[in-house]
Amino acid sequence: MIDFSLNAAYVLLGIALVAAIVMNFANAAKDPRSLIKGGIGIVVLLVVFFIGYSMAPSEIGELTAKSFQSAKIDPTTESASNTYKWVGGAMTTTFLLIVIAGVGLVYSTVSRIVK
């Protein structure tokens, strides 16, 4: 019974994902200028990720190397270094987005109080 429910949930999730994408494209076909805001949002997210990726460390430290070795991953390989850089970039990007959201929340709260 649980297996059937999980499979049904996966199917429903897939249908919802396809419906969300198709409906967004259908709405964009009616008003193509609405794609500009979405495009700007994607570009801003890419810029924030590039900033986070460039700030992420590329060399693996001693503690991280020990963690990699305990997980049976060779820390001297190029793929481990690249993965470490990508994960660091994603974590830095997440932190930057949380800070931006916090600043926006404080700004909107203060602006409501001032009005």
PDB file of N, CA and C in Angstrom:
ATOM      1  N   MET A   1       0.827  -1.198   0.000  1.00  0.00           N
ATOM      2  CA  MET A   1       0.000   0.000   0.000  1.00  0.00           C
ATOM      3  C   MET A   1       0.869   1.258   0.000  1.00  0.00           C
ATOM      4  N   ILE A   2       1.955   1.240   0.789  1.00  0.00           N
ATOM      5  CA  ILE A   2       2.827   2.408   0.851  1.00  0.00           C
ATOM      6  C   ILE A   2       3.517   2.619  -0.490  1.00  0.00           C
ATOM      7  N   ASP A   3       3.926   1.531  -1.136  1.00  0.00           N
ATOM      8  CA  ASP A   3       4.600   1.621  -2.426  1.00  0.00           C
ATOM      9  C   ASP A   3       3.677   2.257  -3.467  1.00  0.00           C
ATOM     10  N   PHE A   4       2.412   1.851  -3.476  1.00  0.00           N
ATOM     11  CA  PHE A   4       1.448   2.433  -4.407  1.00  0.00           C
ATOM     12  C   PHE A   4       1.262   3.916  -4.137  1.00  0.00           C
ATOM     13  N   SER A   5       1.173   4.287  -2.870  1.00  0.00           N
ATOM     14  CA  SER A   5       0.976   5.695  -2.509  1.00  0.00           C
ATOM     15  C   SER A   5       2.171   6.540  -2.921  1.00  0.00           C
ATOM     16  N   LEU A   6       3.381   6.022  -2.730  1.00  0.00           N
ATOM     17  CA  LEU A   6       4.562   6.774  -3.148  1.00  0.00           C
ATOM     18  C   LEU A   6       4.589   6.952  -4.663  1.00  0.00           C
ATOM     19  N   ASN A   7       4.261   5.890  -5.389  1.00  0.00           N
ATOM     20  CA  ASN A   7       4.236   5.998  -6.848  1.00  0.00           C
ATOM     21  C   ASN A   7       3.158   6.973  -7.309  1.00  0.00           C
ATOM     22  N   ALA A   8       2.005   6.942  -6.661  1.00  0.00           N
ATOM     23  CA  ALA A   8       0.933   7.880  -6.993  1.00  0.00           C
ATOM     24  C   ALA A   8       1.371   9.311  -6.692  1.00  0.00           C
ATOM     25  N   ALA A   9       2.078   9.510  -5.590  1.00  0.00           N
ATOM     26  CA  ALA A   9       2.568  10.848  -5.255  1.00  0.00           C
ATOM     27  C   ALA A   9       3.573  11.338  -6.293  1.00  0.00           C
ATOM     28  N   TYR A  10       4.447  10.454  -6.759  1.00  0.00           N
ATOM     29  CA  TYR A  10       5.404  10.832  -7.803  1.00  0.00           C
ATOM     30  C   TYR A  10       4.690  11.216  -9.094  1.00  0.00           C
ATOM     31  N   VAL A  11       3.691  10.457  -9.462  1.00  0.00           N
ATOM     32  CA  VAL A  11       2.932  10.759 -10.684  1.00  0.00           C
ATOM     33  C   VAL A  11       2.220  12.099 -10.547  1.00  0.00           C
ATOM     34  N   LEU A  12       1.574  12.324  -9.418  1.00  0.00           N
ATOM     35  CA  LEU A  12       0.873  13.587  -9.197  1.00  0.00           C
ATOM     36  C   LEU A  12       1.840  14.769  -9.153  1.00  0.00           C
ATOM     37  N   LEU A  13       3.005  14.557  -8.569  1.00  0.00           N
ATOM     38  CA  LEU A  13       4.016  15.607  -8.555  1.00  0.00           C
ATOM     39  C   LEU A  13       4.468  15.936  -9.971  1.00  0.00           C
ATOM     40  N   GLY A  14       4.663  14.913 -10.790  1.00  0.00           N
ATOM     41  CA  GLY A  14       5.047  15.128 -12.182  1.00  0.00           C
ATOM     42  C   GLY A  14       3.971  15.873 -12.952  1.00  0.00           C
ATOM     43  N   ILE A  15       2.711  15.499 -12.737  1.00  0.00           N
ATOM     44  CA  ILE A  15       1.604  16.181 -13.414  1.00  0.00           C
ATOM     45  C   ILE A  15       1.544  17.642 -12.976  1.00  0.00           C
ATOM     46  N   ALA A  16       1.716  17.908 -11.696  1.00  0.00           N
ATOM     47  CA  ALA A  16       1.692  19.285 -11.195  1.00  0.00           C
ATOM     48  C   ALA A  16       2.841  20.101 -11.776  1.00  0.00           C
ATOM     49  N   LEU A  17       4.013  19.483 -11.880  1.00  0.00           N
ATOM     50  CA  LEU A  17       5.169  20.184 -12.446  1.00  0.00           C
ATOM     51  C   LEU A  17       4.935  20.530 -13.905  1.00  0.00           C
ATOM     52  N   VAL A  18       4.437  19.565 -14.675  1.00  0.00           N
ATOM     53  CA  VAL A  18       4.160  19.814 -16.093  1.00  0.00           C
ATOM     54  C   VAL A  18       3.076  20.875 -16.244  1.00  0.00           C
ATOM     55  N   ALA A  19       2.026  20.802 -15.429  1.00  0.00           N
ATOM     56  CA  ALA A  19       0.951  21.783 -15.502  1.00  0.00           C
ATOM     57  C   ALA A  19       1.453  23.183 -15.162  1.00  0.00           C
ATOM     58  N   ALA A  20       2.313  23.295 -14.160  1.00  0.00           N
ATOM     59  CA  ALA A  20       2.845  24.611 -13.786  1.00  0.00           C
ATOM     60  C   ALA A  20       3.677  25.198 -14.915  1.00  0.00           C
ATOM     61  N   ILE A  21       4.479  24.374 -15.550  1.00  0.00           N
ATOM     62  CA  ILE A  21       5.324  24.868 -16.641  1.00  0.00           C
ATOM     63  C   ILE A  21       4.470  25.246 -17.844  1.00  0.00           C
ATOM     64  N   VAL A  22       3.517  24.384 -18.207  1.00  0.00           N
ATOM     65  CA  VAL A  22       2.668  24.653 -19.372  1.00  0.00           C
ATOM     66  C   VAL A  22       1.821  25.899 -19.143  1.00  0.00           C
ATOM     67  N   MET A  23       1.259  26.061 -17.950  1.00  0.00           N
ATOM     68  CA  MET A  23       0.427  27.241 -17.678  1.00  0.00           C
ATOM     69  C   MET A  23       1.250  28.522 -17.706  1.00  0.00           C
ATOM     70  N   ASN A  24       2.487  28.472 -17.228  1.00  0.00           N
ATOM     71  CA  ASN A  24       3.333  29.663 -17.300  1.00  0.00           C
ATOM     72  C   ASN A  24       3.637  30.033 -18.739  1.00  0.00           C
ATOM     73  N   PHE A  25       3.908  29.043 -19.579  1.00  0.00           N
ATOM     74  CA  PHE A  25       4.157  29.338 -20.991  1.00  0.00           C
ATOM     75  C   PHE A  25       2.891  29.820 -21.688  1.00  0.00           C
ATOM     76  N   ALA A  26       1.723  29.286 -21.306  1.00  0.00           N
ATOM     77  CA  ALA A  26       0.465  29.740 -21.899  1.00  0.00           C
ATOM     78  C   ALA A  26       0.195  31.184 -21.524  1.00  0.00           C
ATOM     79  N   ASN A  27       0.441  31.549 -20.268  1.00  0.00           N
ATOM     80  CA  ASN A  27       0.256  32.942 -19.852  1.00  0.00           C
ATOM     81  C   ASN A  27       1.278  33.855 -20.514  1.00  0.00           C
ATOM     82  N   ALA A  28       2.491  33.361 -20.705  1.00  0.00           N
ATOM     83  CA  ALA A  28       3.526  34.172 -21.354  1.00  0.00           C
ATOM     84  C   ALA A  28       3.206  34.388 -22.822  1.00  0.00           C
ATOM     85  N   ALA A  29       2.536  33.433 -23.457  1.00  0.00           N
ATOM     86  CA  ALA A  29       2.156  33.600 -24.858  1.00  0.00           C
ATOM     87  C   ALA A  29       1.133  34.714 -25.010  1.00  0.00           C
ATOM     88  N   LYS A  30       0.277  34.891 -24.012  1.00  0.00           N
ATOM     89  CA  LYS A  30      -0.712  35.973 -24.047  1.00  0.00           C
ATOM     90  C   LYS A  30      -0.057  37.334 -23.831  1.00  0.00           C
ATOM     91  N   ASP A  31       0.945  37.383 -22.952  1.00  0.00           N
ATOM     92  CA  ASP A  31       1.637  38.636 -22.636  1.00  0.00           C
ATOM     93  C   ASP A  31       3.137  38.389 -22.616  1.00  0.00           C
ATOM     94  N   PRO A  32       3.807  38.475 -23.791  1.00  0.00           N
ATOM     95  CA  PRO A  32       5.239  38.164 -23.841  1.00  0.00           C
ATOM     96  C   PRO A  32       6.109  39.113 -23.009  1.00  0.00           C
ATOM     97  N   ARG A  33       5.616  40.309 -22.736  1.00  0.00           N
ATOM     98  CA  ARG A  33       6.412  41.248 -21.945  1.00  0.00           C
ATOM     99  C   ARG A  33       6.539  40.792 -20.499  1.00  0.00           C
ATOM    100  N   SER A  34       5.683  39.895 -20.053  1.00  0.00           N
ATOM    101  CA  SER A  34       5.783  39.382 -18.685  1.00  0.00           C
ATOM    102  C   SER A  34       7.020  38.506 -18.511  1.00  0.00           C
ATOM    103  N   LEU A  35       7.578  38.015 -19.616  1.00  0.00           N
ATOM    104  CA  LEU A  35       8.794  37.205 -19.539  1.00  0.00           C
ATOM    105  C   LEU A  35      10.007  38.035 -19.137  1.00  0.00           C
ATOM    106  N   ILE A  36       9.936  39.329 -19.326  1.00  0.00           N
ATOM    107  CA  ILE A  36      11.071  40.193 -19.003  1.00  0.00           C
ATOM    108  C   ILE A  36      11.378  40.142 -17.509  1.00  0.00           C
ATOM    109  N   LYS A  37      10.344  40.216 -16.672  1.00  0.00           N
ATOM    110  CA  LYS A  37      10.562  40.164 -15.219  1.00  0.00           C
ATOM    111  C   LYS A  37      11.164  38.827 -14.800  1.00  0.00           C
ATOM    112  N   GLY A  38      10.659  37.744 -15.365  1.00  0.00           N
ATOM    113  CA  GLY A  38      11.216  36.424 -15.054  1.00  0.00           C
ATOM    114  C   GLY A  38      12.655  36.299 -15.513  1.00  0.00           C
ATOM    115  N   GLY A  39      12.954  36.832 -16.695  1.00  0.00           N
ATOM    116  CA  GLY A  39      14.324  36.810 -17.205  1.00  0.00           C
ATOM    117  C   GLY A  39      15.266  37.615 -16.330  1.00  0.00           C
ATOM    118  N   ILE A  40      14.798  38.772 -15.874  1.00  0.00           N
ATOM    119  CA  ILE A  40      15.615  39.603 -14.984  1.00  0.00           C
ATOM    120  C   ILE A  40      15.868  38.859 -13.669  1.00  0.00           C
ATOM    121  N   GLY A  41      14.843  38.176 -13.156  1.00  0.00           N
ATOM    122  CA  GLY A  41      15.006  37.406 -11.923  1.00  0.00           C
ATOM    123  C   GLY A  41      16.026  36.291 -12.077  1.00  0.00           C
ATOM    124  N   ILE A  42      15.986  35.593 -13.204  1.00  0.00           N
ATOM    125  CA  ILE A  42      16.955  34.520 -13.449  1.00  0.00           C
ATOM    126  C   ILE A  42      18.359  35.074 -13.568  1.00  0.00           C
ATOM    127  N   VAL A  43      18.510  36.209 -14.254  1.00  0.00           N
ATOM    128  CA  VAL A  43      19.829  36.833 -14.397  1.00  0.00           C
ATOM    129  C   VAL A  43      20.357  37.267 -13.029  1.00  0.00           C
ATOM    130  N   VAL A  44      19.492  37.834 -12.192  1.00  0.00           N
ATOM    131  CA  VAL A  44      19.920  38.252 -10.853  1.00  0.00           C
ATOM    132  C   VAL A  44      20.362  37.035 -10.031  1.00  0.00           C
ATOM    133  N   LEU A  45      19.601  35.937 -10.116  1.00  0.00           N
ATOM    134  CA  LEU A  45      20.004  34.726  -9.391  1.00  0.00           C
ATOM    135  C   LEU A  45      21.335  34.189  -9.899  1.00  0.00           C
ATOM    136  N   LEU A  46      21.560  34.237 -11.208  1.00  0.00           N
ATOM    137  CA  LEU A  46      22.837  33.788 -11.759  1.00  0.00           C
ATOM    138  C   LEU A  46      23.988  34.674 -11.297  1.00  0.00           C
ATOM    139  N   VAL A  47      23.747  35.982 -11.227  1.00  0.00           N
ATOM    140  CA  VAL A  47      24.788  36.897 -10.751  1.00  0.00           C
ATOM    141  C   VAL A  47      25.102  36.622  -9.285  1.00  0.00           C
ATOM    142  N   VAL A  48      24.057  36.411  -8.469  1.00  0.00           N
ATOM    143  CA  VAL A  48      24.281  36.112  -7.050  1.00  0.00           C
ATOM    144  C   VAL A  48      25.036  34.794  -6.907  1.00  0.00           C
ATOM    145  N   PHE A  49      24.683  33.790  -7.744  1.00  0.00           N
ATOM    146  CA  PHE A  49      25.404  32.523  -7.677  1.00  0.00           C
ATOM    147  C   PHE A  49      26.853  32.706  -8.111  1.00  0.00           C
ATOM    148  N   PHE A  50      27.107  33.509  -9.147  1.00  0.00           N
ATOM    149  CA  PHE A  50      28.483  33.749  -9.579  1.00  0.00           C
ATOM    150  C   PHE A  50      29.288  34.416  -8.470  1.00  0.00           C
ATOM    151  N   ILE A  51      28.665  35.338  -7.759  1.00  0.00           N
ATOM    152  CA  ILE A  51      29.343  35.984  -6.631  1.00  0.00           C
ATOM    153  C   ILE A  51      29.645  34.944  -5.542  1.00  0.00           C
ATOM    154  N   GLY A  52      28.652  34.104  -5.227  1.00  0.00           N
ATOM    155  CA  GLY A  52      28.866  33.060  -4.224  1.00  0.00           C
ATOM    156  C   GLY A  52      29.910  32.054  -4.651  1.00  0.00           C
ATOM    157  N   TYR A  53      29.897  31.672  -5.923  1.00  0.00           N
ATOM    158  CA  TYR A  53      30.868  30.707  -6.440  1.00  0.00           C
ATOM    159  C   TYR A  53      32.277  31.286  -6.415  1.00  0.00           C
ATOM    160  N   SER A  54      32.411  32.565  -6.753  1.00  0.00           N
ATOM    161  CA  SER A  54      33.739  33.176  -6.751  1.00  0.00           C
ATOM    162  C   SER A  54      34.267  33.383  -5.332  1.00  0.00           C
ATOM    163  N   MET A  55      33.372  33.484  -4.352  1.00  0.00           N
ATOM    164  CA  MET A  55      33.798  33.641  -2.965  1.00  0.00           C
ATOM    165  C   MET A  55      34.101  32.299  -2.298  1.00  0.00           C
ATOM    166  N   ALA A  56      33.642  31.211  -2.883  1.00  0.00           N
ATOM    167  CA  ALA A  56      33.807  29.884  -2.265  1.00  0.00           C
ATOM    168  C   ALA A  56      35.265  29.448  -2.333  1.00  0.00           C
ATOM    169  N   PRO A  57      35.736  28.763  -1.291  1.00  0.00           N
ATOM    170  CA  PRO A  57      37.125  28.297  -1.306  1.00  0.00           C
ATOM    171  C   PRO A  57      37.311  27.172  -2.322  1.00  0.00           C
ATOM    172  N   SER A  58      38.467  27.169  -2.975  1.00  0.00           N
ATOM    173  CA  SER A  58      38.728  26.123  -3.969  1.00  0.00           C
ATOM    174  C   SER A  58      39.661  25.044  -3.438  1.00  0.00           C
ATOM    175  N   GLU A  59      40.434  25.370  -2.415  1.00  0.00           N
ATOM    176  CA  GLU A  59      41.327  24.352  -1.858  1.00  0.00           C
ATOM    177  C   GLU A  59      40.681  23.715  -0.633  1.00  0.00           C
ATOM    178  N   ILE A  60      40.925  22.435  -0.500  1.00  0.00           N
ATOM    179  CA  ILE A  60      40.328  21.655   0.573  1.00  0.00           C
ATOM    180  C   ILE A  60      41.253  21.696   1.782  1.00  0.00           C
ATOM    181  N   GLY A  61      40.715  22.079   2.939  1.00  0.00           N
ATOM    182  CA  GLY A  61      41.493  22.170   4.166  1.00  0.00           C
ATOM    183  C   GLY A  61      41.691  20.806   4.817  1.00  0.00           C
ATOM    184  N   GLU A  62      42.442  20.814   5.910  1.00  0.00           N
ATOM    185  CA  GLU A  62      42.768  19.560   6.608  1.00  0.00           C
ATOM    186  C   GLU A  62      41.527  18.862   7.148  1.00  0.00           C
ATOM    187  N   LEU A  63      40.665  19.605   7.815  1.00  0.00           N
ATOM    188  CA  LEU A  63      39.469  19.009   8.413  1.00  0.00           C
ATOM    189  C   LEU A  63      38.561  18.433   7.338  1.00  0.00           C
ATOM    190  N   THR A  64      38.398  19.157   6.247  1.00  0.00           N
ATOM    191  CA  THR A  64      37.566  18.663   5.153  1.00  0.00           C
ATOM    192  C   THR A  64      38.200  17.451   4.498  1.00  0.00           C
ATOM    193  N   ALA A  65      39.519  17.464   4.345  1.00  0.00           N
ATOM    194  CA  ALA A  65      40.215  16.309   3.754  1.00  0.00           C
ATOM    195  C   ALA A  65      40.026  15.067   4.624  1.00  0.00           C
ATOM    196  N   LYS A  66      40.077  15.242   5.949  1.00  0.00           N
ATOM    197  CA  LYS A  66      39.849  14.102   6.850  1.00  0.00           C
ATOM    198  C   LYS A  66      38.419  13.590   6.718  1.00  0.00           C
ATOM    199  N   SER A  67      37.464  14.508   6.570  1.00  0.00           N
ATOM    200  CA  SER A  67      36.070  14.109   6.393  1.00  0.00           C
ATOM    201  C   SER A  67      35.892  13.354   5.084  1.00  0.00           C
ATOM    202  N   PHE A  68      36.545  13.833   4.024  1.00  0.00           N
ATOM    203  CA  PHE A  68      36.478  13.144   2.729  1.00  0.00           C
ATOM    204  C   PHE A  68      37.071  11.746   2.850  1.00  0.00           C
ATOM    205  N   GLN A  69      38.214  11.638   3.527  1.00  0.00           N
ATOM    206  CA  GLN A  69      38.867  10.337   3.657  1.00  0.00           C
ATOM    207  C   GLN A  69      38.030   9.370   4.486  1.00  0.00           C
ATOM    208  N   SER A  70      37.360   9.859   5.504  1.00  0.00           N
ATOM    209  CA  SER A  70      36.514   8.976   6.316  1.00  0.00           C
ATOM    210  C   SER A  70      35.298   8.514   5.525  1.00  0.00           C
ATOM    211  N   ALA A  71      34.909   9.289   4.514  1.00  0.00           N
ATOM    212  CA  ALA A  71      33.803   8.885   3.644  1.00  0.00           C
ATOM    213  C   ALA A  71      34.302   8.120   2.421  1.00  0.00           C
ATOM    214  N   LYS A  72      35.604   7.764   2.449  1.00  0.00           N
ATOM    215  CA  LYS A  72      36.237   7.010   1.363  1.00  0.00           C
ATOM    216  C   LYS A  72      36.209   7.770   0.039  1.00  0.00           C
ATOM    217  N   ILE A  73      36.452   9.087   0.116  1.00  0.00           N
ATOM    218  CA  ILE A  73      36.561   9.947  -1.065  1.00  0.00           C
ATOM    219  C   ILE A  73      37.970  10.511  -1.079  1.00  0.00           C
ATOM    220  N   ASP A  74      38.626  10.416  -2.208  1.00  0.00           N
ATOM    221  CA  ASP A  74      39.993  10.930  -2.329  1.00  0.00           C
ATOM    222  C   ASP A  74      39.942  12.448  -2.484  1.00  0.00           C
ATOM    223  N   PRO A  75      40.434  13.211  -1.484  1.00  0.00           N
ATOM    224  CA  PRO A  75      40.338  14.671  -1.556  1.00  0.00           C
ATOM    225  C   PRO A  75      41.319  15.306  -2.546  1.00  0.00           C
ATOM    226  N   THR A  76      42.230  14.522  -3.114  1.00  0.00           N
ATOM    227  CA  THR A  76      43.213  15.099  -4.029  1.00  0.00           C
ATOM    228  C   THR A  76      42.734  15.098  -5.478  1.00  0.00           C
ATOM    229  N   THR A  77      41.586  14.487  -5.758  1.00  0.00           N
ATOM    230  CA  THR A  77      41.112  14.428  -7.139  1.00  0.00           C
ATOM    231  C   THR A  77      40.525  15.774  -7.561  1.00  0.00           C
ATOM    232  N   GLU A  78      40.515  15.974  -8.858  1.00  0.00           N
ATOM    233  CA  GLU A  78      39.963  17.212  -9.419  1.00  0.00           C
ATOM    234  C   GLU A  78      38.452  17.285  -9.207  1.00  0.00           C
ATOM    235  N   SER A  79      37.774  16.137  -9.308  1.00  0.00           N
ATOM    236  CA  SER A  79      36.319  16.146  -9.146  1.00  0.00           C
ATOM    237  C   SER A  79      35.924  16.509  -7.709  1.00  0.00           C
ATOM    238  N   ALA A  80      36.700  16.064  -6.725  1.00  0.00           N
ATOM    239  CA  ALA A  80      36.400  16.416  -5.336  1.00  0.00           C
ATOM    240  C   ALA A  80      36.581  17.913  -5.120  1.00  0.00           C
ATOM    241  N   SER A  81      37.616  18.467  -5.723  1.00  0.00           N
ATOM    242  CA  SER A  81      37.859  19.900  -5.598  1.00  0.00           C
ATOM    243  C   SER A  81      36.761  20.708  -6.277  1.00  0.00           C
ATOM    244  N   ASN A  82      36.356  20.262  -7.476  1.00  0.00           N
ATOM    245  CA  ASN A  82      35.285  20.972  -8.191  1.00  0.00           C
ATOM    246  C   ASN A  82      33.964  20.887  -7.447  1.00  0.00           C
ATOM    247  N   THR A  83      33.649  19.703  -6.929  1.00  0.00           N
ATOM    248  CA  THR A  83      32.412  19.541  -6.161  1.00  0.00           C
ATOM    249  C   THR A  83      32.437  20.405  -4.914  1.00  0.00           C
ATOM    250  N   TYR A  84      33.584  20.462  -4.254  1.00  0.00           N
ATOM    251  CA  TYR A  84      33.734  21.297  -3.061  1.00  0.00           C
ATOM    252  C   TYR A  84      33.486  22.766  -3.401  1.00  0.00           C
ATOM    253  N   LYS A  85      33.994  23.206  -4.545  1.00  0.00           N
ATOM    254  CA  LYS A  85      33.811  24.598  -4.986  1.00  0.00           C
ATOM    255  C   LYS A  85      32.335  24.863  -5.312  1.00  0.00           C
ATOM    256  N   TRP A  86      31.664  23.935  -6.012  1.00  0.00           N
ATOM    257  CA  TRP A  86      30.261  24.113  -6.368  1.00  0.00           C
ATOM    258  C   TRP A  86      29.367  24.135  -5.125  1.00  0.00           C
ATOM    259  N   VAL A  87      29.632  23.236  -4.192  1.00  0.00           N
ATOM    260  CA  VAL A  87      28.832  23.191  -2.968  1.00  0.00           C
ATOM    261  C   VAL A  87      29.070  24.453  -2.141  1.00  0.00           C
ATOM    262  N   GLY A  88      30.314  24.892  -2.074  1.00  0.00           N
ATOM    263  CA  GLY A  88      30.612  26.141  -1.368  1.00  0.00           C
ATOM    264  C   GLY A  88      29.916  27.320  -2.018  1.00  0.00           C
ATOM    265  N   GLY A  89      29.888  27.345  -3.339  1.00  0.00           N
ATOM    266  CA  GLY A  89      29.186  28.416  -4.053  1.00  0.00           C
ATOM    267  C   GLY A  89      27.698  28.396  -3.780  1.00  0.00           C
ATOM    268  N   ALA A  90      27.114  27.194  -3.756  1.00  0.00           N
ATOM    269  CA  ALA A  90      25.682  27.080  -3.477  1.00  0.00           C
ATOM    270  C   ALA A  90      25.364  27.507  -2.048  1.00  0.00           C
ATOM    271  N   MET A  91      26.226  27.132  -1.105  1.00  0.00           N
ATOM    272  CA  MET A  91      25.995  27.527   0.282  1.00  0.00           C
ATOM    273  C   MET A  91      26.157  29.039   0.470  1.00  0.00           C
ATOM    274  N   THR A  92      27.152  29.609  -0.181  1.00  0.00           N
ATOM    275  CA  THR A  92      27.344  31.059  -0.096  1.00  0.00           C
ATOM    276  C   THR A  92      26.176  31.787  -0.743  1.00  0.00           C
ATOM    277  N   THR A  93      25.683  31.270  -1.869  1.00  0.00           N
ATOM    278  CA  THR A  93      24.536  31.868  -2.533  1.00  0.00           C
ATOM    279  C   THR A  93      23.308  31.807  -1.633  1.00  0.00           C
ATOM    280  N   THR A  94      23.093  30.675  -0.980  1.00  0.00           N
ATOM    281  CA  THR A  94      21.966  30.542  -0.057  1.00  0.00           C
ATOM    282  C   THR A  94      22.077  31.548   1.068  1.00  0.00           C
ATOM    283  N   PHE A  95      23.268  31.696   1.619  1.00  0.00           N
ATOM    284  CA  PHE A  95      23.473  32.674   2.688  1.00  0.00           C
ATOM    285  C   PHE A  95      23.193  34.093   2.190  1.00  0.00           C
ATOM    286  N   LEU A  96      23.695  34.436   1.004  1.00  0.00           N
ATOM    287  CA  LEU A  96      23.458  35.775   0.451  1.00  0.00           C
ATOM    288  C   LEU A  96      21.973  36.031   0.226  1.00  0.00           C
ATOM    289  N   LEU A  97      21.245  35.030  -0.270  1.00  0.00           N
ATOM    290  CA  LEU A  97      19.810  35.197  -0.494  1.00  0.00           C
ATOM    291  C   LEU A  97      19.051  35.345   0.819  1.00  0.00           C
ATOM    292  N   ILE A  98      19.485  34.631   1.864  1.00  0.00           N
ATOM    293  CA  ILE A  98      18.849  34.788   3.179  1.00  0.00           C
ATOM    294  C   ILE A  98      19.093  36.195   3.718  1.00  0.00           C
ATOM    295  N   VAL A  99      20.306  36.700   3.550  1.00  0.00           N
ATOM    296  CA  VAL A  99      20.612  38.062   4.000  1.00  0.00           C
ATOM    297  C   VAL A  99      19.782  39.081   3.226  1.00  0.00           C
ATOM    298  N   ILE A 100      19.684  38.892   1.907  1.00  0.00           N
ATOM    299  CA  ILE A 100      18.883  39.815   1.082  1.00  0.00           C
ATOM    300  C   ILE A 100      17.421  39.775   1.512  1.00  0.00           C
ATOM    301  N   ALA A 101      16.890  38.573   1.783  1.00  0.00           N
ATOM    302  CA  ALA A 101      15.503  38.456   2.239  1.00  0.00           C
ATOM    303  C   ALA A 101      15.318  39.125   3.595  1.00  0.00           C
ATOM    304  N   GLY A 102      16.284  38.967   4.495  1.00  0.00           N
ATOM    305  CA  GLY A 102      16.198  39.620   5.805  1.00  0.00           C
ATOM    306  C   GLY A 102      16.223  41.126   5.708  1.00  0.00           C
ATOM    307  N   VAL A 103      17.102  41.649   4.851  1.00  0.00           N
ATOM    308  CA  VAL A 103      17.163  43.101   4.656  1.00  0.00           C
ATOM    309  C   VAL A 103      15.854  43.604   4.057  1.00  0.00           C
ATOM    310  N   GLY A 104      15.303  42.873   3.107  1.00  0.00           N
ATOM    311  CA  GLY A 104      14.019  43.258   2.523  1.00  0.00           C
ATOM    312  C   GLY A 104      12.895  43.242   3.533  1.00  0.00           C
ATOM    313  N   LEU A 105      12.912  42.245   4.429  1.00  0.00           N
ATOM    314  CA  LEU A 105      11.894  42.157   5.469  1.00  0.00           C
ATOM    315  C   LEU A 105      11.991  43.339   6.427  1.00  0.00           C
ATOM    316  N   VAL A 106      13.199  43.657   6.856  1.00  0.00           N
ATOM    317  CA  VAL A 106      13.393  44.799   7.760  1.00  0.00           C
ATOM    318  C   VAL A 106      12.990  46.094   7.071  1.00  0.00           C
ATOM    319  N   TYR A 107      13.376  46.256   5.807  1.00  0.00           N
ATOM    320  CA  TYR A 107      13.030  47.470   5.066  1.00  0.00           C
ATOM    321  C   TYR A 107      11.516  47.630   4.938  1.00  0.00           C
ATOM    322  N   SER A 108      10.826  46.538   4.578  1.00  0.00           N
ATOM    323  CA  SER A 108       9.372  46.655   4.413  1.00  0.00           C
ATOM    324  C   SER A 108       8.683  46.932   5.744  1.00  0.00           C
ATOM    325  N   THR A 109       9.190  46.362   6.817  1.00  0.00           N
ATOM    326  CA  THR A 109       8.602  46.612   8.134  1.00  0.00           C
ATOM    327  C   THR A 109       8.800  48.064   8.555  1.00  0.00           C
ATOM    328  N   VAL A 110      10.010  48.567   8.371  1.00  0.00           N
ATOM    329  CA  VAL A 110      10.302  49.952   8.757  1.00  0.00           C
ATOM    330  C   VAL A 110       9.509  50.916   7.876  1.00  0.00           C
ATOM    331  N   SER A 111       9.391  50.630   6.579  1.00  0.00           N
ATOM    332  CA  SER A 111       8.657  51.538   5.702  1.00  0.00           C
ATOM    333  C   SER A 111       7.169  51.560   6.046  1.00  0.00           C
ATOM    334  N   ARG A 112       6.602  50.444   6.500  1.00  0.00           N
ATOM    335  CA  ARG A 112       5.203  50.425   6.923  1.00  0.00           C
ATOM    336  C   ARG A 112       5.006  51.238   8.203  1.00  0.00           C
ATOM    337  N   ILE A 113       5.982  51.169   9.112  1.00  0.00           N
ATOM    338  CA  ILE A 113       5.875  51.914  10.360  1.00  0.00           C
ATOM    339  C   ILE A 113       5.967  53.410  10.087  1.00  0.00           C
ATOM    340  N   VAL A 114       6.852  53.806   9.182  1.00  0.00           N
ATOM    341  CA  VAL A 114       7.063  55.221   8.868  1.00  0.00           C
ATOM    342  C   VAL A 114       5.829  55.808   8.188  1.00  0.00           C
ATOM    343  N   LYS A 115       5.151  55.022   7.348  1.00  0.00           N
ATOM    344  CA  LYS A 115       3.950  55.541   6.667  1.00  0.00           C
ATOM    345  C   LYS A 115       2.869  55.638   7.656  1.00  0.00           C
TER     346      LYS A 115
END
